[in-house]
């Protein structure tokens, strides 16, 4: 990918409204990177030397607490920006980004952020809208952790992933990237044992199907009922 084609980004929300010549100006300053599965795109508290756009694959954003516990903050899907520490007024990354599968990303030098935001108002407006959306999502997660039972939190996490990356199959809606039970535990502030027990019980009820790093939601409405704390009488 030595020469980047504007078609890579022309249809993405963050670049909507930009003229073709502007897209070319943005791309000429980017470089493409291939990130192997389980490799870091960037590390928590590392210098924010670049910001990134995910072109292909999925990336999990992981926050390590002072006591060493890892929490999966969210997953990044193709077309999304990541590592936008400068939009938060930071010079270091607040979390790590790990490739969940083999990925392709575009990277821009971090010191270009003010220039891009200033030169292309639609880009700036879109990126700050992304920041706002992620902050709202983070606040919702905090409320879930403080007020919901584990069963509700796990159900909400699966439903979010279905909404973000779900792919319809004959069995239901597949979360379309590898996700382990440990990953789900780290998303929901619980243990691997608890997630395994819940998924096994839900499989017996016909709500989900799970295999090695695969989860399919068979009955999304019934899972929503559980997420909202209403009894599932089925």
C-alpha atoms as a PDB file:
ATOM      1  CA  UNK A   1       0.000   0.000   0.000  1.00  0.00           C
ATOM      2  CA  UNK A   2       2.725   2.468  -0.993  1.00  0.00           C
ATOM      3  CA  UNK A   3       0.199   4.718  -2.740  1.00  0.00           C
ATOM      4  CA  UNK A   4      -3.009   5.376  -0.864  1.00  0.00           C
ATOM      5  CA  UNK A   5      -6.224   5.745  -2.827  1.00  0.00           C
ATOM      6  CA  UNK A   6      -8.789   8.290  -1.630  1.00  0.00           C
ATOM      7  CA  UNK A   7     -11.487   5.609  -2.031  1.00  0.00           C
ATOM      8  CA  UNK A   8     -10.122   4.083   1.207  1.00  0.00           C
ATOM      9  CA  UNK A   9     -11.603   6.939   3.204  1.00  0.00           C
ATOM     10  CA  UNK A  10     -14.035   8.798   0.931  1.00  0.00           C
ATOM     11  CA  UNK A  11     -17.115   6.985   2.234  1.00  0.00           C
ATOM     12  CA  UNK A  12     -16.257   7.177   5.922  1.00  0.00           C
ATOM     13  CA  UNK A  13     -18.289   9.372   8.263  1.00  0.00           C
ATOM     14  CA  UNK A  14     -15.268  11.241   9.609  1.00  0.00           C
ATOM     15  CA  UNK A  15     -14.361  12.448   6.094  1.00  0.00           C
ATOM     16  CA  UNK A  16     -17.844  13.177   4.772  1.00  0.00           C
ATOM     17  CA  UNK A  17     -18.241  16.583   3.168  1.00  0.00           C
ATOM     18  CA  UNK A  18     -14.571  16.875   2.225  1.00  0.00           C
ATOM     19  CA  UNK A  19     -13.620  17.674  -1.379  1.00  0.00           C
ATOM     20  CA  UNK A  20     -11.617  15.089  -3.299  1.00  0.00           C
ATOM     21  CA  UNK A  21      -8.574  17.343  -3.329  1.00  0.00           C
ATOM     22  CA  UNK A  22      -8.827  17.675   0.450  1.00  0.00           C
ATOM     23  CA  UNK A  23      -8.984  13.899   0.835  1.00  0.00           C
ATOM     24  CA  UNK A  24      -5.793  13.667  -1.195  1.00  0.00           C
ATOM     25  CA  UNK A  25      -4.160  16.275   1.067  1.00  0.00           C
ATOM     26  CA  UNK A  26      -5.113  14.252   4.126  1.00  0.00           C
ATOM     27  CA  UNK A  27      -3.941  10.947   2.691  1.00  0.00           C
ATOM     28  CA  UNK A  28      -0.575  12.179   1.497  1.00  0.00           C
ATOM     29  CA  UNK A  29       0.372  12.691   5.136  1.00  0.00           C
ATOM     30  CA  UNK A  30      -0.714   9.196   6.220  1.00  0.00           C
ATOM     31  CA  UNK A  31       1.094   5.897   6.188  1.00  0.00           C
ATOM     32  CA  UNK A  32      -0.444   2.453   6.167  1.00  0.00           C
ATOM     33  CA  UNK A  33       0.475  -0.155   8.764  1.00  0.00           C
ATOM     34  CA  UNK A  34      -0.332  -3.820   9.152  1.00  0.00           C
ATOM     35  CA  UNK A  35      -0.772  -4.876  12.762  1.00  0.00           C
ATOM     36  CA  UNK A  36      -0.696  -8.591  13.541  1.00  0.00           C
ATOM     37  CA  UNK A  37      -3.253 -10.149  15.869  1.00  0.00           C
ATOM     38  CA  UNK A  38      -2.467  -9.505  19.560  1.00  0.00           C
ATOM     39  CA  UNK A  39       0.104  -6.813  18.715  1.00  0.00           C
ATOM     40  CA  UNK A  40      -0.199  -3.292  20.101  1.00  0.00           C
ATOM     41  CA  UNK A  41      -1.154  -0.335  17.956  1.00  0.00           C
ATOM     42  CA  UNK A  42      -0.174   1.915  20.862  1.00  0.00           C
ATOM     43  CA  UNK A  43       0.450   1.540  24.597  1.00  0.00           C
ATOM     44  CA  UNK A  44      -1.188   3.163  27.599  1.00  0.00           C
ATOM     45  CA  UNK A  45       0.767   6.216  28.807  1.00  0.00           C
ATOM     46  CA  UNK A  46       3.027   6.023  25.748  1.00  0.00           C
ATOM     47  CA  UNK A  47       3.781   9.246  23.896  1.00  0.00           C
ATOM     48  CA  UNK A  48       0.889  10.101  21.558  1.00  0.00           C
ATOM     49  CA  UNK A  49       3.147  10.204  18.504  1.00  0.00           C
ATOM     50  CA  UNK A  50       0.356   9.289  16.069  1.00  0.00           C
ATOM     51  CA  UNK A  51      -3.373   8.981  15.657  1.00  0.00           C
ATOM     52  CA  UNK A  52      -4.986   6.235  13.632  1.00  0.00           C
ATOM     53  CA  UNK A  53      -7.883   5.165  11.457  1.00  0.00           C
ATOM     54  CA  UNK A  54      -8.792   1.479  11.390  1.00  0.00           C
ATOM     55  CA  UNK A  55      -9.301   0.307   7.810  1.00  0.00           C
ATOM     56  CA  UNK A  56      -9.690  -3.429   8.376  1.00  0.00           C
ATOM     57  CA  UNK A  57      -9.990  -5.709  11.401  1.00  0.00           C
ATOM     58  CA  UNK A  58     -11.017  -5.052  14.989  1.00  0.00           C
ATOM     59  CA  UNK A  59      -9.073  -3.529  17.858  1.00  0.00           C
ATOM     60  CA  UNK A  60      -9.771  -3.761  21.587  1.00  0.00           C
ATOM     61  CA  UNK A  61      -9.005  -0.775  23.777  1.00  0.00           C
ATOM     62  CA  UNK A  62      -7.615  -1.903  27.132  1.00  0.00           C
ATOM     63  CA  UNK A  63      -7.127   0.159  30.291  1.00  0.00           C
ATOM     64  CA  UNK A  64      -4.782  -1.156  32.990  1.00  0.00           C
ATOM     65  CA  UNK A  65      -5.671  -0.032  36.509  1.00  0.00           C
ATOM     66  CA  UNK A  66      -3.012   0.964  39.094  1.00  0.00           C
ATOM     67  CA  UNK A  67      -3.307  -2.488  40.691  1.00  0.00           C
ATOM     68  CA  UNK A  68      -2.633  -4.216  37.355  1.00  0.00           C
ATOM     69  CA  UNK A  69      -6.192  -5.244  36.461  1.00  0.00           C
ATOM     70  CA  UNK A  70      -7.066  -5.032  32.770  1.00  0.00           C
ATOM     71  CA  UNK A  71     -10.411  -3.618  31.658  1.00  0.00           C
ATOM     72  CA  UNK A  72     -11.570  -3.725  28.040  1.00  0.00           C
ATOM     73  CA  UNK A  73     -13.002  -0.251  27.480  1.00  0.00           C
ATOM     74  CA  UNK A  74     -14.438  -0.805  24.006  1.00  0.00           C
ATOM     75  CA  UNK A  75     -13.813  -2.342  20.604  1.00  0.00           C
ATOM     76  CA  UNK A  76     -12.883  -0.313  17.525  1.00  0.00           C
ATOM     77  CA  UNK A  77     -14.463  -1.259  14.188  1.00  0.00           C
ATOM     78  CA  UNK A  78     -13.345  -0.418  10.635  1.00  0.00           C
ATOM     79  CA  UNK A  79     -13.819   3.242   9.773  1.00  0.00           C
ATOM     80  CA  UNK A  80     -13.258   4.472  13.338  1.00  0.00           C
ATOM     81  CA  UNK A  81     -10.511   6.743  14.613  1.00  0.00           C
ATOM     82  CA  UNK A  82      -8.389   5.730  17.598  1.00  0.00           C
ATOM     83  CA  UNK A  83      -5.470   7.096  19.522  1.00  0.00           C
ATOM     84  CA  UNK A  84      -6.942  10.605  19.315  1.00  0.00           C
ATOM     85  CA  UNK A  85      -5.314  11.677  22.571  1.00  0.00           C
ATOM     86  CA  UNK A  86      -4.801  15.200  21.212  1.00  0.00           C
ATOM     87  CA  UNK A  87      -8.573  15.647  20.959  1.00  0.00           C
ATOM     88  CA  UNK A  88      -8.633  15.173  24.750  1.00  0.00           C
ATOM     89  CA  UNK A  89      -5.781  17.607  25.322  1.00  0.00           C
ATOM     90  CA  UNK A  90      -3.401  14.773  26.193  1.00  0.00           C
ATOM     91  CA  UNK A  91       0.143  14.078  25.043  1.00  0.00           C
ATOM     92  CA  UNK A  92      -0.002  10.394  26.073  1.00  0.00           C
ATOM     93  CA  UNK A  93      -2.447   7.616  25.262  1.00  0.00           C
ATOM     94  CA  UNK A  94      -5.000   7.001  28.045  1.00  0.00           C
ATOM     95  CA  UNK A  95      -5.268   3.282  27.190  1.00  0.00           C
ATOM     96  CA  UNK A  96      -3.686   0.598  25.009  1.00  0.00           C
ATOM     97  CA  UNK A  97      -5.002  -0.606  21.654  1.00  0.00           C
ATOM     98  CA  UNK A  98      -4.499  -4.292  20.827  1.00  0.00           C
ATOM     99  CA  UNK A  99      -5.331  -5.932  17.502  1.00  0.00           C
ATOM    100  CA  UNK A 100      -8.091  -8.506  18.049  1.00  0.00           C
ATOM    101  CA  UNK A 101      -7.378  -9.862  14.554  1.00  0.00           C
ATOM    102  CA  UNK A 102      -4.859  -8.949  11.855  1.00  0.00           C
ATOM    103  CA  UNK A 103      -5.523  -5.261  11.114  1.00  0.00           C
ATOM    104  CA  UNK A 104      -4.712  -2.535   8.624  1.00  0.00           C
ATOM    105  CA  UNK A 105      -4.562   1.025   9.925  1.00  0.00           C
ATOM    106  CA  UNK A 106      -3.710   4.463   8.618  1.00  0.00           C
ATOM    107  CA  UNK A 107      -1.439   6.520  10.861  1.00  0.00           C
ATOM    108  CA  UNK A 108      -0.860  10.266  10.924  1.00  0.00           C
ATOM    109  CA  UNK A 109       1.779  12.073  13.023  1.00  0.00           C
ATOM    110  CA  UNK A 110       0.190  13.383  16.203  1.00  0.00           C
ATOM    111  CA  UNK A 111       1.520  16.900  15.637  1.00  0.00           C
ATOM    112  CA  UNK A 112      -0.717  17.139  12.535  1.00  0.00           C
ATOM    113  CA  UNK A 113      -3.895  16.997  14.630  1.00  0.00           C
ATOM    114  CA  UNK A 114      -4.303  20.773  15.107  1.00  0.00           C
ATOM    115  CA  UNK A 115      -3.632  21.366  11.415  1.00  0.00           C
ATOM    116  CA  UNK A 116      -6.208  18.837  10.226  1.00  0.00           C
ATOM    117  CA  UNK A 117      -8.854  20.041  12.669  1.00  0.00           C
ATOM    118  CA  UNK A 118      -8.207  23.653  11.752  1.00  0.00           C
ATOM    119  CA  UNK A 119      -8.043  23.142   7.996  1.00  0.00           C
ATOM    120  CA  UNK A 120     -11.035  20.828   7.670  1.00  0.00           C
ATOM    121  CA  UNK A 121     -13.949  21.899   9.905  1.00  0.00           C
ATOM    122  CA  UNK A 122     -16.078  18.870   8.980  1.00  0.00           C
ATOM    123  CA  UNK A 123     -13.258  16.565  10.099  1.00  0.00           C
ATOM    124  CA  UNK A 124     -12.949  18.435  13.381  1.00  0.00           C
ATOM    125  CA  UNK A 125     -16.690  18.397  14.029  1.00  0.00           C
ATOM    126  CA  UNK A 126     -16.896  14.671  13.298  1.00  0.00           C
ATOM    127  CA  UNK A 127     -13.972  13.750  15.520  1.00  0.00           C
ATOM    128  CA  UNK A 128     -15.257  15.753  18.469  1.00  0.00           C
ATOM    129  CA  UNK A 129     -18.655  14.150  17.984  1.00  0.00           C
ATOM    130  CA  UNK A 130     -16.860  10.789  18.228  1.00  0.00           C
ATOM    131  CA  UNK A 131     -15.196  11.895  21.477  1.00  0.00           C
ATOM    132  CA  UNK A 132     -18.568  12.932  22.900  1.00  0.00           C
ATOM    133  CA  UNK A 133     -20.174   9.650  21.922  1.00  0.00           C
ATOM    134  CA  UNK A 134     -17.398   7.645  23.565  1.00  0.00           C
ATOM    135  CA  UNK A 135     -17.628   9.690  26.745  1.00  0.00           C
ATOM    136  CA  UNK A 136     -21.371   9.019  26.896  1.00  0.00           C
ATOM    137  CA  UNK A 137     -20.693   5.321  26.381  1.00  0.00           C
ATOM    138  CA  UNK A 138     -18.102   5.360  29.157  1.00  0.00           C
ATOM    139  CA  UNK A 139     -20.570   7.057  31.517  1.00  0.00           C
ATOM    140  CA  UNK A 140     -23.179   4.407  30.700  1.00  0.00           C
ATOM    141  CA  UNK A 141     -20.646   1.707  31.521  1.00  0.00           C
ATOM    142  CA  UNK A 142     -19.870   3.337  34.873  1.00  0.00           C
ATOM    143  CA  UNK A 143     -23.591   3.396  35.722  1.00  0.00           C
ATOM    144  CA  UNK A 144     -23.898  -0.278  34.741  1.00  0.00           C
ATOM    145  CA  UNK A 145     -20.972  -1.250  36.970  1.00  0.00           C
ATOM    146  CA  UNK A 146     -22.415   0.704  39.888  1.00  0.00           C
ATOM    147  CA  UNK A 147     -26.061  -0.312  39.639  1.00  0.00           C
ATOM    148  CA  UNK A 148     -26.526  -3.532  37.664  1.00  0.00           C
ATOM    149  CA  UNK A 149     -26.191  -7.200  38.481  1.00  0.00           C
ATOM    150  CA  UNK A 150     -23.499  -9.162  36.637  1.00  0.00           C
ATOM    151  CA  UNK A 151     -26.098 -10.877  34.440  1.00  0.00           C
ATOM    152  CA  UNK A 152     -27.370  -7.506  33.228  1.00  0.00           C
ATOM    153  CA  UNK A 153     -23.860  -6.190  32.561  1.00  0.00           C
ATOM    154  CA  UNK A 154     -22.883  -9.211  30.483  1.00  0.00           C
ATOM    155  CA  UNK A 155     -26.141  -9.060  28.533  1.00  0.00           C
ATOM    156  CA  UNK A 156     -25.619  -5.351  27.833  1.00  0.00           C
ATOM    157  CA  UNK A 157     -22.039  -5.998  26.693  1.00  0.00           C
ATOM    158  CA  UNK A 158     -23.115  -8.689  24.221  1.00  0.00           C
ATOM    159  CA  UNK A 159     -25.908  -6.507  22.872  1.00  0.00           C
ATOM    160  CA  UNK A 160     -23.479  -3.612  22.333  1.00  0.00           C
ATOM    161  CA  UNK A 161     -21.152  -5.884  20.381  1.00  0.00           C
ATOM    162  CA  UNK A 162     -24.046  -7.235  18.316  1.00  0.00           C
ATOM    163  CA  UNK A 163     -25.089  -3.687  17.476  1.00  0.00           C
ATOM    164  CA  UNK A 164     -21.533  -2.722  16.586  1.00  0.00           C
ATOM    165  CA  UNK A 165     -20.320  -5.750  14.645  1.00  0.00           C
ATOM    166  CA  UNK A 166     -23.188  -8.258  14.434  1.00  0.00           C
ATOM    167  CA  UNK A 167     -23.502 -10.387  11.315  1.00  0.00           C
ATOM    168  CA  UNK A 168     -26.657 -12.400  10.624  1.00  0.00           C
ATOM    169  CA  UNK A 169     -26.161 -16.139  10.256  1.00  0.00           C
ATOM    170  CA  UNK A 170     -28.486 -19.143  10.168  1.00  0.00           C
ATOM    171  CA  UNK A 171     -28.029 -19.531  13.927  1.00  0.00           C
ATOM    172  CA  UNK A 172     -28.546 -15.898  14.942  1.00  0.00           C
ATOM    173  CA  UNK A 173     -26.386 -12.773  15.081  1.00  0.00           C
ATOM    174  CA  UNK A 174     -22.677 -13.532  15.252  1.00  0.00           C
ATOM    175  CA  UNK A 175     -20.293 -11.121  16.976  1.00  0.00           C
ATOM    176  CA  UNK A 176     -18.036 -10.834  13.968  1.00  0.00           C
ATOM    177  CA  UNK A 177     -14.571 -11.049  15.502  1.00  0.00           C
ATOM    178  CA  UNK A 178     -12.845 -13.424  17.930  1.00  0.00           C
ATOM    179  CA  UNK A 179     -13.929 -12.765  21.505  1.00  0.00           C
ATOM    180  CA  UNK A 180     -13.128 -14.976  24.465  1.00  0.00           C
ATOM    181  CA  UNK A 181     -14.972 -15.402  27.726  1.00  0.00           C
ATOM    182  CA  UNK A 182     -12.026 -13.713  29.423  1.00  0.00           C
ATOM    183  CA  UNK A 183     -12.535 -10.704  27.112  1.00  0.00           C
ATOM    184  CA  UNK A 184     -16.190 -10.515  28.157  1.00  0.00           C
ATOM    185  CA  UNK A 185     -15.158 -10.724  31.810  1.00  0.00           C
ATOM    186  CA  UNK A 186     -12.739  -7.817  31.316  1.00  0.00           C
ATOM    187  CA  UNK A 187     -15.491  -5.791  29.637  1.00  0.00           C
ATOM    188  CA  UNK A 188     -17.946  -6.261  32.475  1.00  0.00           C
ATOM    189  CA  UNK A 189     -15.872  -6.163  35.654  1.00  0.00           C
ATOM    190  CA  UNK A 190     -16.436  -9.782  36.576  1.00  0.00           C
ATOM    191  CA  UNK A 191     -14.605 -13.116  36.512  1.00  0.00           C
ATOM    192  CA  UNK A 192     -14.030 -15.744  33.852  1.00  0.00           C
ATOM    193  CA  UNK A 193     -15.882 -18.265  36.020  1.00  0.00           C
ATOM    194  CA  UNK A 194     -18.963 -16.045  36.230  1.00  0.00           C
ATOM    195  CA  UNK A 195     -19.045 -15.369  32.476  1.00  0.00           C
ATOM    196  CA  UNK A 196     -18.625 -19.083  31.723  1.00  0.00           C
ATOM    197  CA  UNK A 197     -21.468 -19.961  34.101  1.00  0.00           C
ATOM    198  CA  UNK A 198     -23.764 -17.344  32.564  1.00  0.00           C
ATOM    199  CA  UNK A 199     -23.050 -18.295  28.958  1.00  0.00           C
ATOM    200  CA  UNK A 200     -23.563 -21.971  29.754  1.00  0.00           C
ATOM    201  CA  UNK A 201     -26.940 -21.184  31.367  1.00  0.00           C
ATOM    202  CA  UNK A 202     -27.948 -18.967  28.446  1.00  0.00           C
ATOM    203  CA  UNK A 203     -26.986 -21.674  25.961  1.00  0.00           C
ATOM    204  CA  UNK A 204     -29.228 -24.121  27.799  1.00  0.00           C
ATOM    205  CA  UNK A 205     -32.082 -21.597  27.477  1.00  0.00           C
ATOM    206  CA  UNK A 206     -31.374 -21.057  23.783  1.00  0.00           C
ATOM    207  CA  UNK A 207     -30.374 -17.396  24.123  1.00  0.00           C
ATOM    208  CA  UNK A 208     -26.822 -17.713  22.797  1.00  0.00           C
ATOM    209  CA  UNK A 209     -24.388 -20.135  21.241  1.00  0.00           C
ATOM    210  CA  UNK A 210     -20.699 -19.923  22.045  1.00  0.00           C
ATOM    211  CA  UNK A 211     -17.603 -21.712  20.885  1.00  0.00           C
ATOM    212  CA  UNK A 212     -13.879 -21.060  20.830  1.00  0.00           C
ATOM    213  CA  UNK A 213     -13.695 -17.240  20.732  1.00  0.00           C
ATOM    214  CA  UNK A 214     -17.133 -17.079  19.101  1.00  0.00           C
ATOM    215  CA  UNK A 215     -20.462 -15.865  20.434  1.00  0.00           C
ATOM    216  CA  UNK A 216     -23.759 -15.889  18.538  1.00  0.00           C
ATOM    217  CA  UNK A 217     -26.824 -14.225  20.020  1.00  0.00           C
ATOM    218  CA  UNK A 218     -29.754 -16.453  19.076  1.00  0.00           C
ATOM    219  CA  UNK A 219     -32.530 -14.539  20.868  1.00  0.00           C
ATOM    220  CA  UNK A 220     -31.579 -10.841  21.056  1.00  0.00           C
ATOM    221  CA  UNK A 221     -34.970  -9.778  22.419  1.00  0.00           C
ATOM    222  CA  UNK A 222     -34.791 -12.224  25.325  1.00  0.00           C
ATOM    223  CA  UNK A 223     -31.235 -11.060  26.026  1.00  0.00           C
ATOM    224  CA  UNK A 224     -32.499  -7.471  26.025  1.00  0.00           C
ATOM    225  CA  UNK A 225     -35.132  -8.464  28.605  1.00  0.00           C
ATOM    226  CA  UNK A 226     -32.350  -9.785  30.849  1.00  0.00           C
ATOM    227  CA  UNK A 227     -30.231  -6.670  30.270  1.00  0.00           C
ATOM    228  CA  UNK A 228     -33.112  -4.483  31.408  1.00  0.00           C
ATOM    229  CA  UNK A 229     -33.534  -6.530  34.576  1.00  0.00           C
ATOM    230  CA  UNK A 230     -36.869  -8.059  33.634  1.00  0.00           C
ATOM    231  CA  UNK A 231     -37.450 -11.730  34.356  1.00  0.00           C
ATOM    232  CA  UNK A 232     -37.130 -14.111  31.417  1.00  0.00           C
ATOM    233  CA  UNK A 233     -40.056 -16.511  31.833  1.00  0.00           C
ATOM    234  CA  UNK A 234     -39.326 -18.473  28.651  1.00  0.00           C
END
